[in-house]
Structure formats: structure tokens, C-alpha cells
Amino acid sequence: MKLIGSLTSPYVRKTRIVLAEKHIGYTFELEAPWNADSHVSDHNPLGKVPVLIMDDGTSLFDSRVIVEYLDSVNPVSRLLPESNRRRIMVKRWEALADGICDAAAAMFLERKRKDAEQSVEWISRQQQKVTRGLETAAHELSDKKWCDGNVYTLGDIALGCALGYLAFRFPQIDLRGTFPNLADLSDRLEKRSAFMETVPVA
């Protein structure tokens, strides 16, 4: 299999971490979808990363689709519970984490525009989404070790990637002072080899 992606995308990082945790071999092709010479759209009509090219040449896109497929490929280290209720709650964690990333990325891109072209209202709306997302994650994590309780799942990977992306793009956010349980979770996750090997690089 081949994974197409960048070194800064939290969605690509999530996919790479799942590949590592599942011990699935693959080749990694670096592509920045915003570059003029990018070929990402040849494999994903939406022009986004990650894209997974399977052995038969079929392309999968959207990290949530890719990681669910990867979890079914190898029974080792299952990241999605078998129980439907628990499974959907883990997917809910993933949706929350990806939503935080969506808002943070939108805010980052807006701030790259010229000052006169930036929308303060747009940035504020995205900031509110990030804040509400973090508040919800902190509340629901509470004093649990992992999102699903005592078991490491895809929910933890997704949330860890969101927290890592915020630390990478918005280091001014005081996660430890405001959401200490999320900071503790991030600390534990970043010590795992799959996380250490995929730290975002500009």
C-alpha cells in the first residue's frame, strides 16, 4: 500500500499512527495538495490528503474511511471496539477531534491571508469551535486514562493528533493550565513510538 500525504496534516498523522499501531507496511509519498504541481487530485477528486492507494490500485480518501479500513485489515491491536455502542462512541470521539482540527486549520489558513483580507468574525467562529471542542473533550475524558476508559482506541489517536496539531500551530494555547487532563493524555500519547515518529514538521 502507498500513503500520500504531508508532514503537517493531523489527518495524515492519524493515518500514519494507525498504520504503525497495526504493524501494516506501506510506502509514504510526500505531497502538498496546495502546491501547483501536486498530483493529489489524480487520486482524490477532492484534492485532499491523506490518500491511501491499495494494492489493487483503488484509492481511499478521508482519514476516517482509511483508518476504519486499516483496522479491519489486520486483527492485531484492534482500535475500534466490536460492540456497536462502544464502537460508535469511539467514532464520536474521532469526529470531535477531527472537528477541532477542521476549525484550527481553517483559522490557521485565514491568518495566512493579508491582514486587510482576513475576517475577524470567521477567525472568532473557528476559535469558538476549538474552545468548545476542547471543553467537551476535557469534560467527557474526565479522570479516565483513555477516551474509552481503560482501553487505547482510535479515539485517543484522533484526539492526540488534534492536540498535537494545536501545539504545532497554536503554541500560545495553554492546554496544561486550562485542560490539564487533556495535557496529561497528550503527554502519554506523545511517548508512544507511533506518535514520536510522526511529530508534525513544517
C-alpha atoms as a PDB file:
ATOM      1  CA  MET A   1       0.000   0.000   0.000  1.00  0.00           C
ATOM      2  CA  LYS A   2       1.002   3.600  -0.530  1.00  0.00           C
ATOM      3  CA  LEU A   3       0.006   6.589   1.577  1.00  0.00           C
ATOM      4  CA  ILE A   4       0.045  10.055   0.029  1.00  0.00           C
ATOM      5  CA  GLY A   5       0.219  12.954   2.454  1.00  0.00           C
ATOM      6  CA  SER A   6       2.064  15.796   4.105  1.00  0.00           C
ATOM      7  CA  LEU A   7       4.078  16.084   7.322  1.00  0.00           C
ATOM      8  CA  THR A   8       1.833  18.758   8.834  1.00  0.00           C
ATOM      9  CA  SER A   9      -1.682  17.363   8.337  1.00  0.00           C
ATOM     10  CA  PRO A  10      -3.200  15.926  11.537  1.00  0.00           C
ATOM     11  CA  TYR A  11      -5.361  13.642   9.390  1.00  0.00           C
ATOM     12  CA  VAL A  12      -2.290  12.197   7.673  1.00  0.00           C
ATOM     13  CA  ARG A  13      -0.641  11.815  11.073  1.00  0.00           C
ATOM     14  CA  LYS A  14      -3.680   9.928  12.379  1.00  0.00           C
ATOM     15  CA  THR A  15      -3.461   7.543   9.427  1.00  0.00           C
ATOM     16  CA  ARG A  16       0.287   7.025   9.853  1.00  0.00           C
ATOM     17  CA  ILE A  17      -0.176   6.293  13.558  1.00  0.00           C
ATOM     18  CA  VAL A  18      -2.875   3.719  12.830  1.00  0.00           C
ATOM     19  CA  LEU A  19      -0.616   2.069  10.235  1.00  0.00           C
ATOM     20  CA  ALA A  20       2.173   1.907  12.825  1.00  0.00           C
ATOM     21  CA  GLU A  21      -0.044   0.618  15.641  1.00  0.00           C
ATOM     22  CA  LYS A  22      -1.469  -2.046  13.316  1.00  0.00           C
ATOM     23  CA  HIS A  23       2.009  -3.016  12.057  1.00  0.00           C
ATOM     24  CA  ILE A  24       0.973  -2.548   8.427  1.00  0.00           C
ATOM     25  CA  GLY A  25       3.745  -1.938   5.914  1.00  0.00           C
ATOM     26  CA  TYR A  26       3.399   0.871   3.387  1.00  0.00           C
ATOM     27  CA  THR A  27       5.330   3.423   1.384  1.00  0.00           C
ATOM     28  CA  PHE A  28       4.889   7.102   2.168  1.00  0.00           C
ATOM     29  CA  GLU A  29       4.768   9.624  -0.668  1.00  0.00           C
ATOM     30  CA  LEU A  30       5.085  13.256   0.373  1.00  0.00           C
ATOM     31  CA  GLU A  31       2.642  15.541  -1.421  1.00  0.00           C
ATOM     32  CA  ALA A  32       1.443  19.032  -0.533  1.00  0.00           C
ATOM     33  CA  PRO A  33      -2.020  19.320  -2.113  1.00  0.00           C
ATOM     34  CA  TRP A  34      -1.823  23.118  -2.285  1.00  0.00           C
ATOM     35  CA  ASN A  35       1.291  23.098  -4.496  1.00  0.00           C
ATOM     36  CA  ALA A  36       0.743  23.939  -8.163  1.00  0.00           C
ATOM     37  CA  ASP A  37       2.455  20.711  -9.286  1.00  0.00           C
ATOM     38  CA  SER A  38       0.527  18.471  -6.862  1.00  0.00           C
ATOM     39  CA  HIS A  39      -0.852  15.179  -8.180  1.00  0.00           C
ATOM     40  CA  VAL A  40      -3.132  14.536  -5.198  1.00  0.00           C
ATOM     41  CA  SER A  41      -6.237  15.242  -7.276  1.00  0.00           C
ATOM     42  CA  ASP A  42      -5.212  12.391  -9.609  1.00  0.00           C
ATOM     43  CA  HIS A  43      -6.093  10.035  -6.752  1.00  0.00           C
ATOM     44  CA  ASN A  44      -8.649  12.060  -4.788  1.00  0.00           C
ATOM     45  CA  PRO A  45     -11.040  14.268  -6.773  1.00  0.00           C
ATOM     46  CA  LEU A  46     -11.389  16.470  -3.682  1.00  0.00           C
ATOM     47  CA  GLY A  47      -7.670  17.239  -3.761  1.00  0.00           C
ATOM     48  CA  LYS A  48      -7.110  16.439  -0.096  1.00  0.00           C
ATOM     49  CA  VAL A  49      -4.729  14.238   1.874  1.00  0.00           C
ATOM     50  CA  PRO A  50      -4.414  11.588   3.111  1.00  0.00           C
ATOM     51  CA  VAL A  51      -4.976   9.229   0.198  1.00  0.00           C
ATOM     52  CA  LEU A  52      -4.345   5.506   0.565  1.00  0.00           C
ATOM     53  CA  ILE A  53      -3.579   3.574  -2.617  1.00  0.00           C
ATOM     54  CA  MET A  54      -4.437  -0.068  -2.014  1.00  0.00           C
ATOM     55  CA  ASP A  55      -2.555  -2.955  -3.606  1.00  0.00           C
ATOM     56  CA  ASP A  56      -5.138  -3.266  -6.384  1.00  0.00           C
ATOM     57  CA  GLY A  57      -4.759   0.422  -7.256  1.00  0.00           C
ATOM     58  CA  THR A  58      -8.004   1.554  -5.639  1.00  0.00           C
ATOM     59  CA  SER A  59      -7.693   4.838  -3.784  1.00  0.00           C
ATOM     60  CA  LEU A  60      -9.294   5.561  -0.439  1.00  0.00           C
ATOM     61  CA  PHE A  61      -9.652   9.104   0.849  1.00  0.00           C
ATOM     62  CA  ASP A  62     -10.845  10.825   4.015  1.00  0.00           C
ATOM     63  CA  SER A  63      -8.885   9.718   7.051  1.00  0.00           C
ATOM     64  CA  ARG A  64     -11.978   8.354   8.807  1.00  0.00           C
ATOM     65  CA  VAL A  65     -12.653   5.974   5.913  1.00  0.00           C
ATOM     66  CA  ILE A  66      -8.987   4.993   5.644  1.00  0.00           C
ATOM     67  CA  VAL A  67      -8.423   4.200   9.322  1.00  0.00           C
ATOM     68  CA  GLU A  68     -11.612   2.171   9.594  1.00  0.00           C
ATOM     69  CA  TYR A  69     -10.452   0.122   6.617  1.00  0.00           C
ATOM     70  CA  LEU A  70      -6.985  -0.326   8.121  1.00  0.00           C
ATOM     71  CA  ASP A  71      -8.434  -1.537  11.412  1.00  0.00           C
ATOM     72  CA  SER A  72     -10.281  -4.279   9.509  1.00  0.00           C
ATOM     73  CA  VAL A  73      -7.205  -5.369   7.534  1.00  0.00           C
ATOM     74  CA  ASN A  74      -5.220  -6.663  10.470  1.00  0.00           C
ATOM     75  CA  PRO A  75      -6.765  -8.191  13.638  1.00  0.00           C
ATOM     76  CA  VAL A  76      -3.710  -7.152  15.665  1.00  0.00           C
ATOM     77  CA  SER A  77      -4.273  -4.276  18.108  1.00  0.00           C
ATOM     78  CA  ARG A  78      -7.902  -3.551  17.268  1.00  0.00           C
ATOM     79  CA  LEU A  79      -8.560   0.179  17.583  1.00  0.00           C
ATOM     80  CA  LEU A  80     -12.337   0.065  17.082  1.00  0.00           C
ATOM     81  CA  PRO A  81     -14.377  -1.979  19.584  1.00  0.00           C
ATOM     82  CA  GLU A  82     -16.602  -4.799  18.357  1.00  0.00           C
ATOM     83  CA  SER A  83     -19.553  -3.637  20.447  1.00  0.00           C
ATOM     84  CA  ASN A  84     -21.718  -1.325  18.353  1.00  0.00           C
ATOM     85  CA  ARG A  85     -22.357   1.115  21.227  1.00  0.00           C
ATOM     86  CA  ARG A  86     -18.684   1.395  22.169  1.00  0.00           C
ATOM     87  CA  ARG A  87     -17.645   1.499  18.515  1.00  0.00           C
ATOM     88  CA  ILE A  88     -19.934   4.413  17.712  1.00  0.00           C
ATOM     89  CA  MET A  89     -18.753   6.296  20.811  1.00  0.00           C
ATOM     90  CA  VAL A  90     -15.122   5.882  19.692  1.00  0.00           C
ATOM     91  CA  LYS A  91     -16.118   7.153  16.240  1.00  0.00           C
ATOM     92  CA  ARG A  92     -17.819  10.070  18.017  1.00  0.00           C
ATOM     93  CA  TRP A  93     -14.501  10.885  19.701  1.00  0.00           C
ATOM     94  CA  GLU A  94     -12.861  10.778  16.295  1.00  0.00           C
ATOM     95  CA  ALA A  95     -15.476  13.136  14.853  1.00  0.00           C
ATOM     96  CA  LEU A  96     -14.965  15.565  17.741  1.00  0.00           C
ATOM     97  CA  ALA A  97     -11.179  15.501  17.333  1.00  0.00           C
ATOM     98  CA  ASP A  98     -11.379  15.921  13.554  1.00  0.00           C
ATOM     99  CA  GLY A  99     -13.802  18.802  14.049  1.00  0.00           C
ATOM    100  CA  ILE A 100     -11.287  20.546  16.289  1.00  0.00           C
ATOM    101  CA  CYS A 101      -8.679  20.053  13.563  1.00  0.00           C
ATOM    102  CA  ASP A 102     -11.054  21.370  10.890  1.00  0.00           C
ATOM    103  CA  ALA A 103     -11.649  24.585  12.834  1.00  0.00           C
ATOM    104  CA  ALA A 104      -7.984  25.016  13.771  1.00  0.00           C
ATOM    105  CA  ALA A 105      -6.850  24.514  10.169  1.00  0.00           C
ATOM    106  CA  ALA A 106      -9.467  26.995   8.911  1.00  0.00           C
ATOM    107  CA  MET A 107      -8.261  29.533  11.451  1.00  0.00           C
ATOM    108  CA  PHE A 108      -4.611  28.952  10.519  1.00  0.00           C
ATOM    109  CA  LEU A 109      -5.282  29.396   6.801  1.00  0.00           C
ATOM    110  CA  GLU A 110      -7.327  32.545   7.343  1.00  0.00           C
ATOM    111  CA  ARG A 111      -4.493  34.083   9.356  1.00  0.00           C
ATOM    112  CA  LYS A 112      -2.103  33.443   6.464  1.00  0.00           C
ATOM    113  CA  ARG A 113      -4.066  35.878   4.308  1.00  0.00           C
ATOM    114  CA  LYS A 114      -3.102  39.540   4.158  1.00  0.00           C
ATOM    115  CA  ASP A 115      -4.278  41.430   7.234  1.00  0.00           C
ATOM    116  CA  ALA A 116      -6.744  43.518   5.229  1.00  0.00           C
ATOM    117  CA  GLU A 117      -8.311  40.363   3.732  1.00  0.00           C
ATOM    118  CA  GLN A 118      -8.729  38.438   6.968  1.00  0.00           C
ATOM    119  CA  SER A 119     -12.170  38.031   8.515  1.00  0.00           C
ATOM    120  CA  VAL A 120     -12.044  38.621  12.246  1.00  0.00           C
ATOM    121  CA  GLU A 121     -15.550  37.167  12.536  1.00  0.00           C
ATOM    122  CA  TRP A 122     -14.515  33.980  10.709  1.00  0.00           C
ATOM    123  CA  ILE A 123     -11.441  33.518  12.897  1.00  0.00           C
ATOM    124  CA  SER A 124     -13.541  34.098  16.026  1.00  0.00           C
ATOM    125  CA  ARG A 125     -16.090  31.483  14.940  1.00  0.00           C
ATOM    126  CA  GLN A 126     -13.355  28.891  14.370  1.00  0.00           C
ATOM    127  CA  GLN A 127     -11.739  29.743  17.710  1.00  0.00           C
ATOM    128  CA  GLN A 128     -15.070  29.172  19.437  1.00  0.00           C
ATOM    129  CA  LYS A 129     -15.357  25.752  17.790  1.00  0.00           C
ATOM    130  CA  VAL A 130     -11.876  24.817  19.011  1.00  0.00           C
ATOM    131  CA  THR A 131     -12.636  26.024  22.531  1.00  0.00           C
ATOM    132  CA  ARG A 132     -15.987  24.232  22.721  1.00  0.00           C
ATOM    133  CA  GLY A 133     -14.420  21.091  21.298  1.00  0.00           C
ATOM    134  CA  LEU A 134     -11.673  21.110  23.915  1.00  0.00           C
ATOM    135  CA  GLU A 135     -14.167  21.805  26.703  1.00  0.00           C
ATOM    136  CA  THR A 136     -16.294  18.860  25.596  1.00  0.00           C
ATOM    137  CA  ALA A 137     -13.281  16.563  25.266  1.00  0.00           C
ATOM    138  CA  ALA A 138     -11.989  17.533  28.719  1.00  0.00           C
ATOM    139  CA  HIS A 139     -15.415  17.045  30.294  1.00  0.00           C
ATOM    140  CA  GLU A 140     -16.021  13.659  28.703  1.00  0.00           C
ATOM    141  CA  LEU A 141     -12.491  12.392  29.312  1.00  0.00           C
ATOM    142  CA  SER A 142     -12.799  13.421  32.971  1.00  0.00           C
ATOM    143  CA  ASP A 143     -10.388  11.297  35.036  1.00  0.00           C
ATOM    144  CA  LYS A 144     -10.305   8.328  32.653  1.00  0.00           C
ATOM    145  CA  LYS A 145      -6.957   7.072  31.368  1.00  0.00           C
ATOM    146  CA  TRP A 146      -8.225   6.777  27.784  1.00  0.00           C
ATOM    147  CA  CYS A 147     -11.245   8.085  25.883  1.00  0.00           C
ATOM    148  CA  ASP A 148     -12.916   4.661  26.032  1.00  0.00           C
ATOM    149  CA  GLY A 149     -11.978   4.100  29.659  1.00  0.00           C
ATOM    150  CA  ASN A 150      -9.068   1.729  30.204  1.00  0.00           C
ATOM    151  CA  VAL A 151      -8.544   0.736  26.560  1.00  0.00           C
ATOM    152  CA  TYR A 152      -6.449   2.605  23.989  1.00  0.00           C
ATOM    153  CA  THR A 153      -8.515   3.180  20.832  1.00  0.00           C
ATOM    154  CA  LEU A 154      -8.817   5.214  17.669  1.00  0.00           C
ATOM    155  CA  GLY A 155     -10.483   7.902  19.771  1.00  0.00           C
ATOM    156  CA  ASP A 156      -7.223   8.506  21.635  1.00  0.00           C
ATOM    157  CA  ILE A 157      -5.236   8.607  18.401  1.00  0.00           C
ATOM    158  CA  ALA A 158      -7.597  11.146  16.833  1.00  0.00           C
ATOM    159  CA  LEU A 159      -7.689  13.337  19.943  1.00  0.00           C
ATOM    160  CA  GLY A 160      -3.912  13.090  20.333  1.00  0.00           C
ATOM    161  CA  CYS A 161      -3.441  14.254  16.744  1.00  0.00           C
ATOM    162  CA  ALA A 162      -5.790  17.194  17.335  1.00  0.00           C
ATOM    163  CA  LEU A 163      -3.914  18.212  20.486  1.00  0.00           C
ATOM    164  CA  GLY A 164      -0.598  17.802  18.684  1.00  0.00           C
ATOM    165  CA  TYR A 165      -1.805  19.965  15.805  1.00  0.00           C
ATOM    166  CA  LEU A 166      -2.866  22.715  18.203  1.00  0.00           C
ATOM    167  CA  ALA A 167       0.536  22.583  19.916  1.00  0.00           C
ATOM    168  CA  PHE A 168       2.207  22.773  16.499  1.00  0.00           C
ATOM    169  CA  ARG A 169       0.158  25.621  15.005  1.00  0.00           C
ATOM    170  CA  PHE A 170      -1.013  27.454  18.127  1.00  0.00           C
ATOM    171  CA  PRO A 171       1.626  27.034  20.847  1.00  0.00           C
ATOM    172  CA  GLN A 172       0.119  30.003  22.694  1.00  0.00           C
ATOM    173  CA  ILE A 173      -2.843  27.856  23.773  1.00  0.00           C
ATOM    174  CA  ASP A 174      -2.275  26.976  27.434  1.00  0.00           C
ATOM    175  CA  LEU A 175      -3.592  23.431  27.333  1.00  0.00           C
ATOM    176  CA  ARG A 176      -1.985  22.409  30.625  1.00  0.00           C
ATOM    177  CA  GLY A 177      -3.343  25.397  32.516  1.00  0.00           C
ATOM    178  CA  THR A 178      -6.868  25.147  31.082  1.00  0.00           C
ATOM    179  CA  PHE A 179      -7.364  21.450  30.382  1.00  0.00           C
ATOM    180  CA  PRO A 180      -4.819  19.525  32.492  1.00  0.00           C
ATOM    181  CA  ASN A 181      -6.432  16.128  31.809  1.00  0.00           C
ATOM    182  CA  LEU A 182      -6.071  16.678  28.059  1.00  0.00           C
ATOM    183  CA  ALA A 183      -2.452  17.742  28.562  1.00  0.00           C
ATOM    184  CA  ASP A 184      -1.786  14.565  30.565  1.00  0.00           C
ATOM    185  CA  LEU A 185      -3.353  12.442  27.823  1.00  0.00           C
ATOM    186  CA  SER A 186      -1.265  14.206  25.202  1.00  0.00           C
ATOM    187  CA  ASP A 187       1.892  13.590  27.251  1.00  0.00           C
ATOM    188  CA  ARG A 188       1.170   9.844  27.436  1.00  0.00           C
ATOM    189  CA  LEU A 189       0.382   9.625  23.745  1.00  0.00           C
ATOM    190  CA  GLU A 190       3.437  11.562  22.596  1.00  0.00           C
ATOM    191  CA  LYS A 191       5.640   8.989  24.372  1.00  0.00           C
ATOM    192  CA  ARG A 192       4.331   6.185  22.156  1.00  0.00           C
ATOM    193  CA  SER A 193       6.675   5.330  19.298  1.00  0.00           C
ATOM    194  CA  ALA A 194       3.941   5.824  16.666  1.00  0.00           C
ATOM    195  CA  PHE A 195       3.435   9.382  17.880  1.00  0.00           C
ATOM    196  CA  MET A 196       7.144  10.141  18.250  1.00  0.00           C
ATOM    197  CA  GLU A 197       7.760   9.031  14.654  1.00  0.00           C
ATOM    198  CA  THR A 198       5.030  11.313  13.254  1.00  0.00           C
ATOM    199  CA  VAL A 199       5.598  14.644  15.008  1.00  0.00           C
ATOM    200  CA  PRO A 200       4.443  17.455  12.653  1.00  0.00           C
ATOM    201  CA  VAL A 201       7.261  19.107  10.700  1.00  0.00           C
ATOM    202  CA  ALA A 202       6.854  22.424   8.880  1.00  0.00           C
END
